[in-house]
């Protein structure tokens, strides 16, 4: 009985870890793309500055 509970618990935790990993991966990729886009915008706008 105890082994069956442990087996089911491990399955649920494993599935949760996979979902969490996918969420972290997507969030990281999104943040990276946003940083690249904003950096490119800053470099492009740098030529318009006059001091």
Protein backbone atom coordinates (compact mmCIF):
# COMPACT_ATOMS: atom_id res chain seq x y z
CA UNK A 1 0.00 0.00 0.00
CA UNK A 2 2.70 2.47 0.96
CA UNK A 3 4.71 1.78 -2.17
CA UNK A 4 1.71 2.53 -4.37
CA UNK A 5 1.19 5.92 -2.71
CA UNK A 6 4.87 6.74 -3.17
CA UNK A 7 4.74 5.68 -6.82
CA UNK A 8 1.74 7.93 -7.53
CA UNK A 9 3.28 10.83 -5.61
CA UNK A 10 6.51 10.57 -7.61
CA UNK A 11 4.53 10.59 -10.86
CA UNK A 12 2.67 13.74 -9.88
CA UNK A 13 5.82 15.51 -8.76
CA UNK A 14 7.61 14.50 -11.98
CA UNK A 15 4.80 15.92 -14.12
CA UNK A 16 4.79 19.12 -12.07
CA UNK A 17 8.54 19.51 -12.52
CA UNK A 18 8.21 19.17 -16.29
CA UNK A 19 5.48 21.82 -16.41
CA UNK A 20 7.51 24.15 -14.19
CA UNK A 21 10.57 23.66 -16.39
CA UNK A 22 8.60 24.57 -19.52
CA UNK A 23 7.21 27.70 -17.86
CA UNK A 24 10.69 28.81 -16.76
CA UNK A 25 12.08 28.12 -20.24
CA UNK A 26 9.37 30.17 -21.98
CA UNK A 27 9.75 33.01 -19.48
CA UNK A 28 13.52 33.08 -19.99
CA UNK A 29 13.24 33.11 -23.77
CA UNK A 30 10.64 35.89 -23.64
CA UNK A 31 12.79 38.00 -21.33
CA UNK A 32 15.85 37.47 -23.55
CA UNK A 33 14.00 38.52 -26.70
CA UNK A 34 12.62 41.61 -24.96
CA UNK A 35 16.12 42.59 -23.81
CA UNK A 36 17.52 42.20 -27.34
CA UNK A 37 14.71 44.29 -28.85
CA UNK A 38 15.05 47.05 -26.25
CA UNK A 39 18.84 47.09 -26.64
CA UNK A 40 18.52 47.42 -30.40
CA UNK A 41 16.05 50.27 -29.95
CA UNK A 42 18.44 52.06 -27.61
CA UNK A 43 21.35 51.69 -30.03
CA UNK A 44 19.21 52.92 -32.92
CA UNK A 45 17.99 55.93 -30.94
CA UNK A 46 21.52 56.80 -29.83
CA UNK A 47 22.28 58.43 -33.19
CA UNK A 48 19.42 60.92 -32.70
CA UNK A 49 20.84 62.38 -29.48
CA UNK A 50 22.58 65.72 -29.60
CA UNK A 51 24.32 67.27 -26.60
